[in-house]
Structures are given as structure tokens and as C-alpha cells.
N, C-alpha and C. Protein backbone atom coordinates (compact mmCIF):
# COMPACT_ATOMS: atom_id res chain seq x y z
N MET A 1 13.12 51.62 -47.99
CA MET A 1 13.25 51.99 -49.39
C MET A 1 12.88 53.47 -49.60
N LEU A 2 11.71 53.86 -49.03
CA LEU A 2 11.27 55.25 -49.19
C LEU A 2 12.25 56.20 -48.52
N PHE A 3 12.71 55.84 -47.32
CA PHE A 3 13.69 56.67 -46.63
C PHE A 3 14.96 56.82 -47.47
N PHE A 4 15.41 55.72 -48.07
CA PHE A 4 16.62 55.76 -48.88
C PHE A 4 16.46 56.73 -50.05
N LEU A 5 15.31 56.68 -50.71
CA LEU A 5 15.07 57.59 -51.84
C LEU A 5 14.99 59.03 -51.37
N LEU A 6 14.19 59.31 -50.35
CA LEU A 6 13.98 60.68 -49.88
C LEU A 6 15.25 61.29 -49.30
N SER A 7 16.11 60.47 -48.71
CA SER A 7 17.33 60.99 -48.10
C SER A 7 18.53 60.95 -49.04
N ASN A 8 18.36 60.41 -50.22
CA ASN A 8 19.43 60.34 -51.20
C ASN A 8 19.77 61.75 -51.69
N ARG A 9 21.00 62.18 -51.46
CA ARG A 9 21.38 63.56 -51.76
C ARG A 9 21.20 63.93 -53.24
N PRO A 10 21.60 63.10 -54.20
CA PRO A 10 21.33 63.49 -55.60
C PRO A 10 19.83 63.66 -55.88
N PHE A 11 19.00 62.77 -55.29
CA PHE A 11 17.55 62.91 -55.45
C PHE A 11 17.07 64.22 -54.83
N MET A 12 17.58 64.56 -53.65
CA MET A 12 17.18 65.79 -52.98
C MET A 12 17.60 67.02 -53.79
N TRP A 13 18.78 66.97 -54.40
CA TRP A 13 19.21 68.10 -55.23
C TRP A 13 18.31 68.25 -56.45
N VAL A 14 17.93 67.12 -57.06
CA VAL A 14 17.01 67.19 -58.21
C VAL A 14 15.67 67.77 -57.76
N LEU A 15 15.17 67.31 -56.62
CA LEU A 15 13.91 67.83 -56.09
C LEU A 15 14.03 69.32 -55.78
N PHE A 16 15.17 69.73 -55.24
CA PHE A 16 15.41 71.15 -54.96
C PHE A 16 15.33 71.96 -56.26
N ILE A 17 16.00 71.50 -57.30
CA ILE A 17 16.00 72.23 -58.59
C ILE A 17 14.60 72.27 -59.18
N ILE A 18 13.88 71.16 -59.14
CA ILE A 18 12.51 71.12 -59.66
C ILE A 18 11.64 72.12 -58.90
N ASN A 19 11.75 72.15 -57.59
CA ASN A 19 10.94 73.08 -56.79
C ASN A 19 11.36 74.53 -57.03
N LEU A 20 12.65 74.77 -57.18
CA LEU A 20 13.11 76.13 -57.46
C LEU A 20 12.56 76.62 -58.80
N LEU A 21 12.65 75.77 -59.83
CA LEU A 21 12.12 76.15 -61.15
C LEU A 21 10.60 76.29 -61.10
N GLY A 22 9.92 75.41 -60.37
CA GLY A 22 8.47 75.51 -60.22
C GLY A 22 8.06 76.77 -59.49
N THR A 23 8.84 77.16 -58.51
CA THR A 23 8.57 78.40 -57.77
C THR A 23 8.70 79.60 -58.69
N ILE A 24 9.76 79.64 -59.46
CA ILE A 24 9.96 80.74 -60.41
C ILE A 24 8.81 80.78 -61.41
N TYR A 25 8.45 79.62 -61.98
CA TYR A 25 7.33 79.56 -62.92
C TYR A 25 6.05 80.04 -62.26
N GLY A 26 5.83 79.65 -61.01
CA GLY A 26 4.62 80.06 -60.29
C GLY A 26 4.52 81.57 -60.14
N TYR A 27 5.63 82.20 -59.80
CA TYR A 27 5.61 83.66 -59.68
C TYR A 27 5.37 84.31 -61.05
N ILE A 28 5.92 83.74 -62.09
CA ILE A 28 5.67 84.26 -63.45
C ILE A 28 4.19 84.09 -63.80
N TRP A 29 3.61 82.95 -63.45
CA TRP A 29 2.20 82.67 -63.73
C TRP A 29 1.30 83.70 -63.04
N TYR A 30 1.69 84.14 -61.85
CA TYR A 30 0.92 85.12 -61.09
C TYR A 30 1.15 86.56 -61.54
N MET A 31 2.12 86.79 -62.42
CA MET A 31 2.51 88.15 -62.77
C MET A 31 1.34 89.04 -63.19
N PRO A 32 0.41 88.59 -64.04
CA PRO A 32 -0.70 89.49 -64.40
C PRO A 32 -1.51 89.95 -63.19
N GLN A 33 -1.74 89.05 -62.23
CA GLN A 33 -2.48 89.42 -61.03
C GLN A 33 -1.62 90.31 -60.12
N LEU A 34 -0.34 90.03 -60.03
CA LEU A 34 0.54 90.82 -59.18
C LEU A 34 0.69 92.25 -59.69
N GLU A 35 0.64 92.43 -61.00
CA GLU A 35 0.74 93.78 -61.58
C GLU A 35 -0.44 94.65 -61.19
N GLN A 36 -1.58 94.05 -60.82
CA GLN A 36 -2.77 94.79 -60.44
C GLN A 36 -2.99 94.80 -58.92
N THR A 37 -2.04 94.26 -58.19
CA THR A 37 -2.19 94.09 -56.73
C THR A 37 -1.54 95.26 -56.00
N ASP A 38 -2.25 95.77 -55.00
CA ASP A 38 -1.69 96.79 -54.12
C ASP A 38 -0.42 96.23 -53.47
N PRO A 39 0.68 96.98 -53.48
CA PRO A 39 1.96 96.45 -52.96
C PRO A 39 1.88 95.86 -51.55
N VAL A 40 1.02 96.36 -50.70
CA VAL A 40 0.92 95.83 -49.34
C VAL A 40 0.46 94.37 -49.33
N PHE A 41 -0.23 93.93 -50.40
CA PHE A 41 -0.74 92.57 -50.46
C PHE A 41 0.16 91.62 -51.24
N LEU A 42 1.21 92.12 -51.86
CA LEU A 42 2.05 91.30 -52.74
C LEU A 42 2.56 90.00 -52.10
N PRO A 43 3.01 90.01 -50.84
CA PRO A 43 3.51 88.74 -50.29
C PRO A 43 2.43 87.67 -50.12
N PHE A 44 1.16 88.07 -50.15
CA PHE A 44 0.08 87.13 -49.83
C PHE A 44 -0.71 86.66 -51.03
N VAL A 45 -0.45 87.17 -52.20
CA VAL A 45 -1.24 86.80 -53.38
C VAL A 45 -0.74 85.50 -54.02
N PRO A 46 0.56 85.35 -54.30
CA PRO A 46 1.01 84.13 -54.98
C PRO A 46 1.15 82.96 -53.99
N ASP A 47 0.03 82.37 -53.63
CA ASP A 47 0.01 81.36 -52.57
C ASP A 47 0.87 80.13 -52.87
N SER A 48 0.63 79.50 -54.00
CA SER A 48 1.35 78.25 -54.30
C SER A 48 2.84 78.44 -54.51
N PRO A 49 3.27 79.46 -55.27
CA PRO A 49 4.72 79.62 -55.40
C PRO A 49 5.40 79.97 -54.08
N THR A 50 4.70 80.68 -53.21
CA THR A 50 5.29 80.99 -51.91
C THR A 50 5.40 79.72 -51.07
N ALA A 51 4.39 78.84 -51.14
CA ALA A 51 4.48 77.55 -50.45
C ALA A 51 5.66 76.74 -50.99
N SER A 52 5.81 76.73 -52.29
CA SER A 52 6.92 76.02 -52.92
C SER A 52 8.26 76.65 -52.52
N LEU A 53 8.29 77.96 -52.39
CA LEU A 53 9.50 78.64 -51.94
C LEU A 53 9.86 78.22 -50.52
N PHE A 54 8.87 78.14 -49.64
CA PHE A 54 9.12 77.68 -48.27
C PHE A 54 9.76 76.28 -48.29
N PHE A 55 9.21 75.39 -49.12
CA PHE A 55 9.75 74.03 -49.19
C PHE A 55 11.15 74.03 -49.79
N THR A 56 11.37 74.84 -50.80
CA THR A 56 12.68 74.90 -51.43
C THR A 56 13.73 75.33 -50.41
N ILE A 57 13.40 76.32 -49.60
CA ILE A 57 14.31 76.78 -48.55
C ILE A 57 14.52 75.68 -47.50
N ALA A 58 13.44 75.04 -47.08
CA ALA A 58 13.55 73.97 -46.08
C ALA A 58 14.39 72.81 -46.61
N LEU A 59 14.19 72.45 -47.88
CA LEU A 59 14.96 71.36 -48.49
C LEU A 59 16.43 71.74 -48.60
N PHE A 60 16.70 72.97 -48.97
CA PHE A 60 18.08 73.44 -49.03
C PHE A 60 18.72 73.35 -47.64
N GLY A 61 17.96 73.70 -46.62
CA GLY A 61 18.46 73.57 -45.25
C GLY A 61 18.87 72.14 -44.94
N LEU A 62 18.03 71.18 -45.31
CA LEU A 62 18.39 69.78 -45.08
C LEU A 62 19.67 69.41 -45.82
N LEU A 63 19.80 69.91 -47.04
CA LEU A 63 20.97 69.59 -47.86
C LEU A 63 22.27 70.12 -47.26
N ILE A 64 22.19 71.22 -46.53
CA ILE A 64 23.40 71.77 -45.92
C ILE A 64 23.48 71.45 -44.43
N GLY A 65 22.60 70.56 -43.97
CA GLY A 65 22.66 70.10 -42.58
C GLY A 65 22.02 71.03 -41.57
N ARG A 66 21.05 71.81 -42.00
CA ARG A 66 20.36 72.74 -41.10
C ARG A 66 18.87 72.39 -41.04
N ASN A 67 18.30 72.58 -39.87
CA ASN A 67 16.86 72.43 -39.70
C ASN A 67 16.28 73.79 -39.35
N TRP A 68 15.65 74.40 -40.31
CA TRP A 68 15.01 75.69 -40.10
C TRP A 68 13.54 75.44 -39.83
N GLY A 69 13.22 75.29 -38.56
CA GLY A 69 11.88 74.87 -38.14
C GLY A 69 10.75 75.72 -38.68
N LEU A 70 10.92 77.03 -38.71
CA LEU A 70 9.84 77.88 -39.21
C LEU A 70 9.59 77.62 -40.70
N MET A 71 10.66 77.55 -41.49
CA MET A 71 10.49 77.26 -42.92
C MET A 71 9.87 75.88 -43.11
N GLN A 72 10.26 74.93 -42.28
CA GLN A 72 9.73 73.57 -42.38
C GLN A 72 8.24 73.54 -42.04
N ALA A 73 7.86 74.25 -40.99
CA ALA A 73 6.43 74.31 -40.62
C ALA A 73 5.63 75.00 -41.71
N LEU A 74 6.14 76.12 -42.20
CA LEU A 74 5.45 76.83 -43.29
C LEU A 74 5.35 75.95 -44.54
N ALA A 75 6.41 75.21 -44.82
CA ALA A 75 6.41 74.35 -46.00
C ALA A 75 5.31 73.29 -45.91
N VAL A 76 5.29 72.54 -44.82
CA VAL A 76 4.30 71.46 -44.69
C VAL A 76 2.89 72.03 -44.72
N MET A 77 2.66 73.07 -43.93
CA MET A 77 1.32 73.64 -43.80
C MET A 77 0.83 74.22 -45.13
N THR A 78 1.65 75.01 -45.79
CA THR A 78 1.19 75.68 -47.01
C THR A 78 1.23 74.77 -48.22
N LEU A 79 2.17 73.84 -48.29
CA LEU A 79 2.16 72.89 -49.40
C LEU A 79 0.89 72.05 -49.38
N PHE A 80 0.53 71.59 -48.19
CA PHE A 80 -0.71 70.80 -48.11
C PHE A 80 -1.91 71.67 -48.46
N LYS A 81 -2.00 72.83 -47.84
CA LYS A 81 -3.17 73.69 -48.04
C LYS A 81 -3.34 74.08 -49.51
N TYR A 82 -2.30 74.66 -50.09
CA TYR A 82 -2.45 75.18 -51.46
C TYR A 82 -2.37 74.07 -52.50
N GLY A 83 -1.69 72.98 -52.15
CA GLY A 83 -1.71 71.83 -53.05
C GLY A 83 -3.12 71.27 -53.19
N ILE A 84 -3.75 71.00 -52.07
CA ILE A 84 -5.12 70.46 -52.09
C ILE A 84 -6.09 71.51 -52.63
N TRP A 85 -5.92 72.78 -52.26
CA TRP A 85 -6.81 73.84 -52.73
C TRP A 85 -6.83 73.90 -54.26
N ALA A 86 -5.66 73.86 -54.88
CA ALA A 86 -5.59 73.95 -56.34
C ALA A 86 -6.20 72.73 -57.00
N VAL A 87 -5.99 71.56 -56.42
CA VAL A 87 -6.61 70.34 -56.99
C VAL A 87 -8.13 70.48 -56.94
N VAL A 88 -8.67 70.92 -55.80
CA VAL A 88 -10.12 71.07 -55.65
C VAL A 88 -10.66 72.16 -56.59
N MET A 89 -9.95 73.29 -56.71
CA MET A 89 -10.43 74.38 -57.58
C MET A 89 -10.42 73.96 -59.04
N ASN A 90 -9.43 73.21 -59.45
CA ASN A 90 -9.42 72.73 -60.83
C ASN A 90 -10.49 71.67 -61.05
N GLY A 91 -10.73 70.84 -60.03
CA GLY A 91 -11.85 69.90 -60.12
C GLY A 91 -13.18 70.62 -60.20
N LEU A 92 -13.33 71.69 -59.43
CA LEU A 92 -14.55 72.49 -59.47
C LEU A 92 -14.70 73.17 -60.83
N THR A 93 -13.59 73.65 -61.39
CA THR A 93 -13.63 74.23 -62.74
C THR A 93 -14.12 73.21 -63.74
N LEU A 94 -13.61 71.99 -63.67
CA LEU A 94 -14.07 70.92 -64.56
C LEU A 94 -15.56 70.66 -64.37
N PHE A 95 -16.01 70.64 -63.12
CA PHE A 95 -17.43 70.40 -62.83
C PHE A 95 -18.31 71.52 -63.36
N VAL A 96 -17.89 72.78 -63.17
CA VAL A 96 -18.70 73.94 -63.56
C VAL A 96 -18.71 74.14 -65.07
N THR A 97 -17.55 73.98 -65.71
CA THR A 97 -17.45 74.30 -67.15
C THR A 97 -17.55 73.06 -68.03
N GLY A 98 -17.31 71.89 -67.45
CA GLY A 98 -17.32 70.67 -68.25
C GLY A 98 -16.02 70.43 -68.99
N ASP A 99 -15.01 71.28 -68.72
CA ASP A 99 -13.74 71.15 -69.43
C ASP A 99 -12.61 71.62 -68.53
N LEU A 100 -11.45 71.04 -68.73
CA LEU A 100 -10.24 71.48 -68.04
C LEU A 100 -9.10 71.40 -69.03
N SER A 101 -8.43 72.50 -69.24
CA SER A 101 -7.35 72.57 -70.23
C SER A 101 -6.16 71.73 -69.77
N TRP A 102 -5.21 71.55 -70.67
CA TRP A 102 -3.98 70.83 -70.31
C TRP A 102 -3.26 71.54 -69.17
N LEU A 103 -3.34 72.89 -69.15
CA LEU A 103 -2.72 73.66 -68.07
C LEU A 103 -3.40 73.34 -66.74
N GLY A 104 -4.72 73.21 -66.77
CA GLY A 104 -5.45 72.83 -65.56
C GLY A 104 -5.02 71.46 -65.05
N TRP A 105 -4.86 70.51 -65.96
CA TRP A 105 -4.42 69.17 -65.55
C TRP A 105 -2.98 69.19 -65.03
N MET A 106 -2.15 70.05 -65.65
CA MET A 106 -0.77 70.21 -65.16
C MET A 106 -0.79 70.78 -63.74
N LEU A 107 -1.68 71.74 -63.49
CA LEU A 107 -1.80 72.31 -62.15
C LEU A 107 -2.27 71.27 -61.13
N VAL A 108 -3.20 70.42 -61.55
CA VAL A 108 -3.67 69.34 -60.67
C VAL A 108 -2.50 68.44 -60.28
N ALA A 109 -1.74 67.99 -61.26
CA ALA A 109 -0.63 67.07 -61.00
C ALA A 109 0.46 67.73 -60.15
N SER A 110 0.84 68.95 -60.51
CA SER A 110 1.94 69.61 -59.79
C SER A 110 1.53 69.97 -58.36
N HIS A 111 0.28 70.39 -58.18
CA HIS A 111 -0.15 70.77 -56.84
C HIS A 111 -0.41 69.55 -55.95
N LEU A 112 -0.86 68.47 -56.54
CA LEU A 112 -0.97 67.23 -55.77
C LEU A 112 0.43 66.79 -55.33
N GLY A 113 1.39 66.94 -56.23
CA GLY A 113 2.79 66.65 -55.88
C GLY A 113 3.29 67.53 -54.76
N MET A 114 2.90 68.80 -54.76
CA MET A 114 3.29 69.70 -53.68
C MET A 114 2.80 69.17 -52.33
N ALA A 115 1.52 68.82 -52.27
CA ALA A 115 0.94 68.34 -51.01
C ALA A 115 1.64 67.08 -50.53
N VAL A 116 1.90 66.16 -51.45
CA VAL A 116 2.51 64.89 -51.09
C VAL A 116 3.95 65.08 -50.62
N GLN A 117 4.73 65.90 -51.34
CA GLN A 117 6.14 66.04 -50.95
C GLN A 117 6.29 66.68 -49.57
N GLY A 118 5.41 67.60 -49.23
CA GLY A 118 5.46 68.17 -47.89
C GLY A 118 5.25 67.12 -46.82
N LEU A 119 4.30 66.21 -47.06
CA LEU A 119 4.03 65.15 -46.08
C LEU A 119 5.16 64.13 -46.04
N LEU A 120 5.75 63.82 -47.21
CA LEU A 120 6.83 62.85 -47.25
C LEU A 120 8.09 63.35 -46.53
N TYR A 121 8.34 64.64 -46.61
CA TYR A 121 9.53 65.19 -45.97
C TYR A 121 9.30 65.62 -44.52
N ALA A 122 8.07 65.66 -44.08
CA ALA A 122 7.78 66.08 -42.71
C ALA A 122 8.57 65.30 -41.66
N PRO A 123 8.76 63.98 -41.81
CA PRO A 123 9.54 63.26 -40.78
C PRO A 123 11.01 63.71 -40.68
N PHE A 124 11.52 64.38 -41.69
CA PHE A 124 12.89 64.89 -41.65
C PHE A 124 12.97 66.22 -40.89
N PHE A 125 11.83 66.87 -40.75
CA PHE A 125 11.81 68.23 -40.21
C PHE A 125 11.78 68.23 -38.69
N ARG A 126 12.31 69.29 -38.11
CA ARG A 126 12.35 69.46 -36.66
C ARG A 126 11.62 70.74 -36.30
N VAL A 127 10.32 70.63 -36.22
CA VAL A 127 9.45 71.78 -35.98
C VAL A 127 9.11 71.84 -34.49
N GLN A 128 9.29 73.00 -33.91
CA GLN A 128 8.94 73.23 -32.51
C GLN A 128 7.55 73.89 -32.44
N PRO A 129 6.90 73.83 -31.29
CA PRO A 129 5.57 74.46 -31.17
C PRO A 129 5.56 75.94 -31.58
N ILE A 130 6.62 76.67 -31.28
CA ILE A 130 6.64 78.09 -31.65
C ILE A 130 6.64 78.26 -33.18
N HIS A 131 7.28 77.35 -33.89
CA HIS A 131 7.26 77.38 -35.35
C HIS A 131 5.85 77.11 -35.87
N LEU A 132 5.18 76.15 -35.24
CA LEU A 132 3.80 75.85 -35.62
C LEU A 132 2.90 77.06 -35.40
N ILE A 133 3.09 77.74 -34.28
CA ILE A 133 2.28 78.94 -33.98
C ILE A 133 2.53 80.02 -35.02
N ALA A 134 3.80 80.28 -35.33
CA ALA A 134 4.13 81.32 -36.31
C ALA A 134 3.58 80.96 -37.69
N ALA A 135 3.71 79.70 -38.10
CA ALA A 135 3.17 79.28 -39.39
C ALA A 135 1.65 79.38 -39.41
N THR A 136 1.01 79.09 -38.28
CA THR A 136 -0.44 79.23 -38.17
C THR A 136 -0.86 80.68 -38.35
N VAL A 137 -0.14 81.59 -37.71
CA VAL A 137 -0.44 83.02 -37.84
C VAL A 137 -0.32 83.44 -39.31
N TRP A 138 0.76 83.03 -39.97
CA TRP A 138 0.93 83.35 -41.40
C TRP A 138 -0.25 82.83 -42.22
N THR A 139 -0.60 81.57 -42.00
CA THR A 139 -1.64 80.92 -42.80
C THR A 139 -3.00 81.56 -42.57
N VAL A 140 -3.36 81.82 -41.33
CA VAL A 140 -4.66 82.44 -41.03
C VAL A 140 -4.68 83.89 -41.52
N HIS A 141 -3.57 84.58 -41.35
CA HIS A 141 -3.49 85.96 -41.85
C HIS A 141 -3.65 85.98 -43.37
N ASN A 142 -3.00 85.05 -44.04
CA ASN A 142 -3.14 84.96 -45.50
C ASN A 142 -4.59 84.70 -45.90
N GLU A 143 -5.28 83.90 -45.10
CA GLU A 143 -6.70 83.63 -45.33
C GLU A 143 -7.52 84.92 -45.29
N MET A 144 -7.22 85.74 -44.31
CA MET A 144 -7.93 87.03 -44.18
C MET A 144 -7.63 87.94 -45.38
N ILE A 145 -6.38 87.98 -45.79
CA ILE A 145 -6.02 88.79 -46.96
C ILE A 145 -6.78 88.30 -48.18
N ASP A 146 -6.84 86.98 -48.35
CA ASP A 146 -7.50 86.40 -49.53
C ASP A 146 -9.00 86.69 -49.55
N TYR A 147 -9.69 86.47 -48.43
CA TYR A 147 -11.16 86.48 -48.48
C TYR A 147 -11.82 87.63 -47.73
N VAL A 148 -11.06 88.44 -47.01
CA VAL A 148 -11.61 89.67 -46.47
C VAL A 148 -11.25 90.84 -47.40
N PHE A 149 -9.98 90.85 -47.83
CA PHE A 149 -9.52 91.90 -48.74
C PHE A 149 -9.60 91.48 -50.21
N MET A 150 -10.15 90.28 -50.44
CA MET A 150 -10.43 89.76 -51.79
C MET A 150 -9.17 89.72 -52.67
N GLN A 151 -8.11 89.17 -52.13
CA GLN A 151 -6.85 89.04 -52.86
C GLN A 151 -6.56 87.57 -53.20
N TYR A 152 -7.59 86.76 -53.27
CA TYR A 152 -7.45 85.34 -53.55
C TYR A 152 -6.97 85.12 -54.99
N PRO A 153 -6.39 83.93 -55.25
CA PRO A 153 -5.98 83.61 -56.63
C PRO A 153 -7.20 83.60 -57.56
N VAL A 154 -7.05 84.20 -58.70
CA VAL A 154 -8.18 84.38 -59.62
C VAL A 154 -8.46 83.09 -60.40
N TYR A 155 -9.67 82.61 -60.28
CA TYR A 155 -10.23 81.55 -61.12
C TYR A 155 -11.54 82.12 -61.64
N SER A 156 -11.50 82.82 -62.76
CA SER A 156 -12.66 83.60 -63.21
C SER A 156 -13.91 82.75 -63.39
N GLN A 157 -13.76 81.47 -63.73
CA GLN A 157 -14.93 80.61 -63.91
C GLN A 157 -15.65 80.34 -62.60
N LEU A 158 -14.99 80.62 -61.47
CA LEU A 158 -15.54 80.28 -60.16
C LEU A 158 -15.95 81.49 -59.34
N ASP A 159 -15.96 82.68 -59.94
CA ASP A 159 -16.29 83.91 -59.19
C ASP A 159 -17.65 83.85 -58.49
N LEU A 160 -18.60 83.15 -59.08
CA LEU A 160 -19.94 83.06 -58.48
C LEU A 160 -19.94 82.28 -57.16
N TYR A 161 -18.87 81.53 -56.92
CA TYR A 161 -18.82 80.64 -55.76
C TYR A 161 -17.81 81.10 -54.71
N ILE A 162 -17.43 82.37 -54.75
CA ILE A 162 -16.31 82.83 -53.91
C ILE A 162 -16.61 82.70 -52.42
N GLN A 163 -17.85 82.89 -51.99
CA GLN A 163 -18.15 82.72 -50.57
C GLN A 163 -17.98 81.27 -50.14
N GLU A 164 -18.46 80.36 -50.97
CA GLU A 164 -18.30 78.94 -50.65
C GLU A 164 -16.82 78.53 -50.69
N ILE A 165 -16.08 79.08 -51.65
CA ILE A 165 -14.65 78.78 -51.73
C ILE A 165 -13.93 79.31 -50.49
N GLY A 166 -14.27 80.51 -50.07
CA GLY A 166 -13.67 81.07 -48.86
C GLY A 166 -13.97 80.21 -47.64
N TYR A 167 -15.20 79.73 -47.54
CA TYR A 167 -15.58 78.86 -46.42
C TYR A 167 -14.79 77.56 -46.46
N PHE A 168 -14.74 76.95 -47.65
CA PHE A 168 -13.96 75.72 -47.81
C PHE A 168 -12.49 75.95 -47.45
N THR A 169 -11.94 77.07 -47.89
CA THR A 169 -10.52 77.37 -47.66
C THR A 169 -10.23 77.57 -46.18
N PHE A 170 -11.16 78.18 -45.46
CA PHE A 170 -11.01 78.33 -44.01
C PHE A 170 -10.84 76.96 -43.35
N TRP A 171 -11.72 76.03 -43.68
CA TRP A 171 -11.64 74.70 -43.07
C TRP A 171 -10.41 73.94 -43.56
N LEU A 172 -10.00 74.15 -44.80
CA LEU A 172 -8.77 73.55 -45.30
C LEU A 172 -7.57 74.09 -44.53
N SER A 173 -7.59 75.36 -44.19
CA SER A 173 -6.51 75.94 -43.37
C SER A 173 -6.43 75.25 -42.02
N LEU A 174 -7.58 75.06 -41.37
CA LEU A 174 -7.58 74.39 -40.07
C LEU A 174 -7.07 72.96 -40.19
N LEU A 175 -7.48 72.26 -41.25
CA LEU A 175 -6.98 70.90 -41.48
C LEU A 175 -5.47 70.91 -41.70
N SER A 176 -4.97 71.89 -42.44
CA SER A 176 -3.54 71.99 -42.72
C SER A 176 -2.75 72.26 -41.44
N ILE A 177 -3.29 73.07 -40.56
CA ILE A 177 -2.65 73.34 -39.27
C ILE A 177 -2.60 72.05 -38.44
N PHE A 178 -3.73 71.34 -38.39
CA PHE A 178 -3.78 70.09 -37.64
C PHE A 178 -2.80 69.07 -38.21
N ILE A 179 -2.77 68.91 -39.52
CA ILE A 179 -1.87 67.95 -40.15
C ILE A 179 -0.41 68.30 -39.86
N THR A 180 -0.09 69.58 -39.92
CA THR A 180 1.29 70.00 -39.62
C THR A 180 1.65 69.65 -38.18
N TRP A 181 0.73 69.88 -37.26
CA TRP A 181 0.97 69.46 -35.87
C TRP A 181 1.16 67.95 -35.80
N TRP A 182 0.28 67.20 -36.48
CA TRP A 182 0.28 65.74 -36.42
C TRP A 182 1.58 65.16 -36.95
N VAL A 183 2.07 65.66 -38.09
CA VAL A 183 3.24 65.06 -38.73
C VAL A 183 4.56 65.70 -38.30
N CYS A 184 4.52 66.87 -37.67
CA CYS A 184 5.77 67.58 -37.36
C CYS A 184 6.01 67.85 -35.88
N VAL A 185 4.98 67.93 -35.07
CA VAL A 185 5.17 68.44 -33.72
C VAL A 185 4.82 67.42 -32.64
N ARG A 186 3.75 66.69 -32.80
CA ARG A 186 3.31 65.81 -31.71
C ARG A 186 4.40 64.82 -31.33
N SER A 187 4.38 64.37 -30.11
CA SER A 187 5.48 63.56 -29.58
C SER A 187 5.60 62.19 -30.25
N LYS A 188 4.52 61.61 -30.73
CA LYS A 188 4.56 60.28 -31.35
C LYS A 188 4.59 60.33 -32.87
N ARG A 189 5.02 61.44 -33.43
CA ARG A 189 5.04 61.56 -34.89
C ARG A 189 6.08 60.63 -35.50
N LEU A 190 5.94 60.36 -36.79
CA LEU A 190 6.89 59.53 -37.52
C LEU A 190 8.20 60.31 -37.69
N MET A 191 9.29 59.67 -37.40
CA MET A 191 10.61 60.30 -37.61
C MET A 191 11.48 59.29 -38.37
N TRP A 192 12.20 59.80 -39.34
CA TRP A 192 13.12 58.92 -40.10
C TRP A 192 14.37 58.70 -39.28
């Protein structure tokens, strides 16, 4: 049943459009931060929309009968990482401030959806070890840009906890790399 839904072309086209629109919205949401960002860091600041862009490209590849392993590896790894990261950061905002706006709840739902869709589509993907290595380099490099060069997504209520957030994010990156290997590369992975 799940395979039938996930492989249904009209469903995939709807998912593609939703992700494309979500990606565009995500870049618009980041615009105030991007306007203040040094151009050399621009590709690394809008984490979630870039993850969504990777998935949108990977999904489009499936729709036209192509398996773009690098895009697929980047999609699974970054969707999981930034999906879970945003859920945790919004949960932390709720814990610290005692309140979470409707926008915060929308971010929780959409980012949880990002993490889940990457895992659900992983069995369709054909990721090779070299793709995993390249996606790992991107993800770890992005980590350094975020927490060494301080280009992380701004959550002003959480500025006091940036060292702890950076530490958490490092371990989340390692978990995301492991999960991508587990669901996309290892020999006994689930395949549809």
C-alpha cells in the first residue's frame, strides 16, 4: 500500500510541486538573513530550503526515470538533519519562552514532514558510496560554516545556547550521515 502511494506518479507530481513551493517559500523566509550574509556564505545559510531543493531535484529525477545519486544522498541526509534540527529548535523555543507562534508550529509540522519524506523515498534512491562521501563533505562543511563562521539560522530567542546548539547539531550531522548510509547504501537496505 505504501509503495503504491509513494510510487504513484500523480502523487509524486503533487509532492514535487509542494516541495518546490516550500523551497521557494523557504528562500523567501531566509531573505532578511541572506541580505546581511557575506556572498561567500550564501549557499550555506538557507539550510532547510536547500535540503528541500535537493529532494525536489531528486524527486524530479525519479519522475523522469533518472537516479541522481548525489542529489538523492544530499536529500536524505539534509532533509533528516534540518528537519529534525528545526523541530528540536522550535521545541527549545517553546521550552525557553513558554510560547510558540503559529509559524513555529507550522515549521515543526513542515520540517517533520521533510525528515519523514526523505526516509520514505530512500528505498527508491540509488546512492553509491562516492555519493555518500560527497554528501558527507557538504554536510560537515556546512556545519563548519554555521558554527565556526557563525552563519547558522537565526533563532534570536536561543542565542544564549549557541554552543550547546552547535554541539547538538554536530552529533545530529553524524546521525544523519549514518542514517543515510543505513537507508541508502548498505547492502541489506530496504528497496522497493
